[in-house]
Amino acid sequence: ISKNTPYNRRPGTAMKPEYLTIHSTANPKSTAQNERDWLTNPSNTNTASWHLVVDDKQVIEAIPLNEVAWHAGDGKNGPGNSKSISIEICESGDRKKTIENAVKLSAQILKEKGWGVERLKRHYDWSGKHCPRIFEKNNWKEWESFKSMVAAELQQISVSPWAKEAMEWATSPKINLTDGTLP
């Protein structure tokens, strides 16, 4: 979105991110494109924004990852807003595919930043708001499950191609050197 979007949704303030914050849209009918369009809709008078939104089909970036967005509810100088990249997870469409996409997106950002899953936060962690609502049924267990999926994806994408190839060779049925537990 442009820096002149009303209600200071993109303040243009530089940020050196230290965390990745996960949200959900709280809108069961909205797609990533709908969410992005809402940021520039003239009838939207909220001063709220986010960096990325993901659904079952796409990821859209609304604000550069090195700029502040208003998403954490912890004020202008709060670490959620001032030090955290935000991802909104859509609640519409194929939920399983949306979560898979959110896991891949989260792992990719963590890899690019050289971070581990300890840098993953929920909106709740900054302001106590019940978000991401998408994990509502049993928030703690589902959040821990999401973090575990991100950790597994991060490990998968962090292994170099030659190491993957060597591991596949070493654990193949033709080679009976290891069962893969002690590569």
Protein backbone atom coordinates (compact mmCIF):
# COMPACT_ATOMS: atom_id res chain seq x y z
CA ILE A 1 0.00 0.00 0.00
CA SER A 2 1.22 3.53 -0.52
CA LYS A 3 2.70 5.65 2.24
CA ASN A 4 -0.14 8.14 1.86
CA THR A 5 -2.84 5.55 2.67
CA PRO A 6 -5.28 7.22 5.09
CA TYR A 7 -5.22 6.70 8.85
CA ASN A 8 -1.45 6.22 8.96
CA ARG A 9 -1.75 2.55 7.97
CA ARG A 10 1.73 2.67 6.45
CA PRO A 11 3.72 5.11 8.54
CA GLY A 12 6.91 4.49 6.56
CA THR A 13 8.94 4.17 9.76
CA ALA A 14 12.05 2.03 9.36
CA MET A 15 12.16 -1.14 11.43
CA LYS A 16 14.81 -3.70 12.26
CA PRO A 17 12.59 -6.72 12.94
CA GLU A 18 13.35 -9.13 15.75
CA TYR A 19 10.15 -11.21 15.78
CA LEU A 20 7.48 -12.72 13.56
CA THR A 21 3.93 -12.26 14.83
CA ILE A 22 1.06 -14.49 13.73
CA HIS A 23 -2.52 -13.22 13.52
CA SER A 24 -5.73 -14.41 11.92
CA THR A 25 -8.20 -12.17 10.17
CA ALA A 26 -11.28 -12.92 12.32
CA ASN A 27 -13.24 -12.82 9.07
CA PRO A 28 -14.42 -16.25 7.84
CA LYS A 29 -15.40 -14.92 4.39
CA SER A 30 -12.38 -12.81 3.45
CA THR A 31 -9.52 -13.79 1.12
CA ALA A 32 -5.99 -12.41 1.10
CA GLN A 33 -6.97 -10.03 -1.70
CA ASN A 34 -10.05 -8.87 0.22
CA GLU A 35 -7.89 -8.17 3.28
CA ARG A 36 -5.35 -6.23 1.23
CA ASP A 37 -8.11 -4.21 -0.43
CA TRP A 38 -9.61 -3.38 2.98
CA LEU A 39 -6.42 -1.51 3.89
CA THR A 40 -7.08 1.03 1.13
CA ASN A 41 -10.88 1.03 1.27
CA PRO A 42 -12.14 4.61 1.90
CA SER A 43 -14.78 3.38 4.36
CA ASN A 44 -12.13 1.77 6.57
CA THR A 45 -11.26 4.29 9.28
CA ASN A 46 -9.07 2.00 11.41
CA THR A 47 -5.42 2.73 12.06
CA ALA A 48 -4.37 -0.88 11.72
CA SER A 49 -2.17 -2.71 9.25
CA TRP A 50 0.03 -5.73 8.73
CA HIS A 51 2.92 -6.87 6.54
CA LEU A 52 1.70 -10.09 4.91
CA VAL A 53 -1.60 -11.91 4.50
CA VAL A 54 -1.90 -15.55 3.46
CA ASP A 55 -4.82 -17.67 2.31
CA ASP A 56 -5.15 -21.02 0.57
CA LYS A 57 -4.06 -19.56 -2.78
CA GLN A 58 -1.62 -16.70 -2.24
CA VAL A 59 0.47 -14.43 -0.05
CA ILE A 60 0.20 -10.66 -0.43
CA GLU A 61 2.64 -8.14 1.02
CA ALA A 62 1.01 -4.87 2.07
CA ILE A 63 3.90 -3.20 3.89
CA PRO A 64 7.63 -3.83 3.37
CA LEU A 65 9.09 -6.13 6.01
CA ASN A 66 11.55 -3.45 7.11
CA GLU A 67 8.84 -0.92 8.05
CA VAL A 68 6.59 -0.64 11.09
CA ALA A 69 2.97 -1.82 10.81
CA TRP A 70 0.17 -1.33 13.35
CA HIS A 71 -0.84 -4.89 14.21
CA ALA A 72 0.16 -5.86 17.75
CA GLY A 73 -1.98 -3.55 19.88
CA ASP A 74 0.98 -2.60 22.07
CA GLY A 75 1.32 1.05 21.09
CA LYS A 76 3.66 3.14 18.99
CA ASN A 77 6.81 1.99 20.77
CA GLY A 78 5.72 -1.50 21.78
CA PRO A 79 7.98 -4.29 20.54
CA GLY A 80 5.10 -6.01 18.75
CA ASN A 81 4.49 -3.04 16.49
CA SER A 82 8.02 -1.65 16.35
CA LYS A 83 10.08 -4.86 16.12
CA SER A 84 7.84 -7.49 14.56
CA ILE A 85 6.88 -8.64 11.07
CA SER A 86 3.20 -9.55 10.98
CA ILE A 87 1.41 -12.33 9.12
CA GLU A 88 -2.39 -12.41 8.92
CA ILE A 89 -3.81 -15.89 8.30
CA CYS A 90 -7.14 -15.86 6.45
CA GLU A 91 -9.99 -17.86 7.92
CA SER A 92 -11.74 -18.47 4.59
CA GLY A 93 -11.18 -21.18 1.99
CA ASP A 94 -9.38 -24.48 2.52
CA ARG A 95 -8.21 -24.22 6.14
CA LYS A 96 -5.63 -27.01 5.84
CA LYS A 97 -4.04 -25.46 2.74
CA THR A 98 -4.08 -21.99 4.32
CA ILE A 99 -2.26 -23.30 7.41
CA GLU A 100 0.26 -25.12 5.17
CA ASN A 101 0.91 -21.88 3.31
CA ALA A 102 1.27 -19.97 6.59
CA VAL A 103 3.72 -22.57 7.88
CA LYS A 104 5.83 -22.34 4.71
CA LEU A 105 5.75 -18.54 4.74
CA SER A 106 6.71 -18.38 8.42
CA ALA A 107 9.57 -20.85 7.97
CA GLN A 108 10.88 -18.97 4.94
CA ILE A 109 10.97 -15.67 6.84
CA LEU A 110 12.64 -17.31 9.84
CA LYS A 111 15.24 -18.86 7.53
CA GLU A 112 15.92 -15.59 5.71
CA LYS A 113 16.37 -13.78 9.03
CA GLY A 114 18.47 -16.54 10.59
CA TRP A 115 15.91 -16.99 13.38
CA GLY A 116 14.44 -20.03 15.08
CA VAL A 117 10.85 -20.63 16.18
CA GLU A 118 11.56 -18.91 19.50
CA ARG A 119 11.07 -15.68 17.50
CA LEU A 120 7.48 -16.66 16.61
CA LYS A 121 4.87 -14.72 18.59
CA ARG A 122 1.09 -14.49 18.67
CA HIS A 123 -0.80 -11.21 18.68
CA TYR A 124 -1.90 -12.41 22.12
CA ASP A 125 1.72 -12.31 23.34
CA TRP A 126 1.92 -8.55 22.78
CA SER A 127 -1.48 -7.31 23.93
CA GLY A 128 -3.52 -10.19 25.34
CA LYS A 129 -5.99 -10.07 22.44
CA HIS A 130 -7.43 -13.48 21.60
CA CYS A 131 -5.56 -13.75 18.31
CA PRO A 132 -4.80 -15.71 16.22
CA ARG A 133 -8.42 -16.72 16.51
CA ILE A 134 -7.85 -19.42 13.90
CA PHE A 135 -6.39 -21.53 16.73
CA GLU A 136 -9.40 -20.83 18.96
CA LYS A 137 -10.60 -24.31 19.98
CA ASN A 138 -7.56 -25.06 22.09
CA ASN A 139 -5.31 -22.06 21.59
CA TRP A 140 -2.24 -23.30 23.44
CA LYS A 141 -2.15 -26.80 21.91
CA GLU A 142 -2.92 -25.56 18.41
CA TRP A 143 -0.35 -22.78 18.72
CA GLU A 144 2.30 -25.28 19.85
CA SER A 145 1.31 -27.54 16.93
CA PHE A 146 1.69 -24.62 14.50
CA LYS A 147 5.13 -23.82 15.93
CA SER A 148 6.15 -27.48 15.59
CA MET A 149 5.06 -27.50 11.95
CA VAL A 150 7.05 -24.32 11.32
CA ALA A 151 10.10 -25.85 13.05
CA ALA A 152 9.85 -28.97 10.88
CA GLU A 153 9.49 -26.89 7.71
CA LEU A 154 12.38 -24.68 8.76
CA GLN A 155 14.58 -27.73 9.27
CA GLN A 156 13.49 -29.14 5.90
CA ILE A 157 14.29 -25.98 3.94
CA SER A 158 17.52 -25.37 5.83
CA VAL A 159 19.15 -28.62 4.71
CA SER A 160 21.38 -28.09 1.69
CA PRO A 161 20.56 -30.00 -1.51
CA TRP A 162 23.76 -32.05 -1.33
CA ALA A 163 22.99 -33.05 2.27
CA LYS A 164 19.47 -34.11 1.27
CA GLU A 165 20.87 -36.17 -1.58
CA ALA A 166 23.48 -37.79 0.69
CA MET A 167 20.84 -38.59 3.33
CA GLU A 168 18.54 -40.15 0.73
CA TRP A 169 21.44 -42.26 -0.55
CA ALA A 170 22.54 -43.34 2.93
CA THR A 171 19.03 -44.34 3.99
CA SER A 172 18.02 -45.97 0.72
CA PRO A 173 17.17 -49.69 0.70
CA LYS A 174 20.28 -50.32 -1.44
CA ILE A 175 22.56 -49.07 1.31
CA ASN A 176 22.16 -50.81 4.62
CA LEU A 177 24.50 -48.60 6.62
CA THR A 178 22.00 -46.72 8.73
CA ASP A 179 18.33 -46.46 9.41
CA GLY A 180 18.59 -42.67 9.33
CA THR A 181 18.63 -42.18 13.09
CA LEU A 182 22.38 -41.67 13.20
CA PRO A 183 23.31 -40.17 9.84
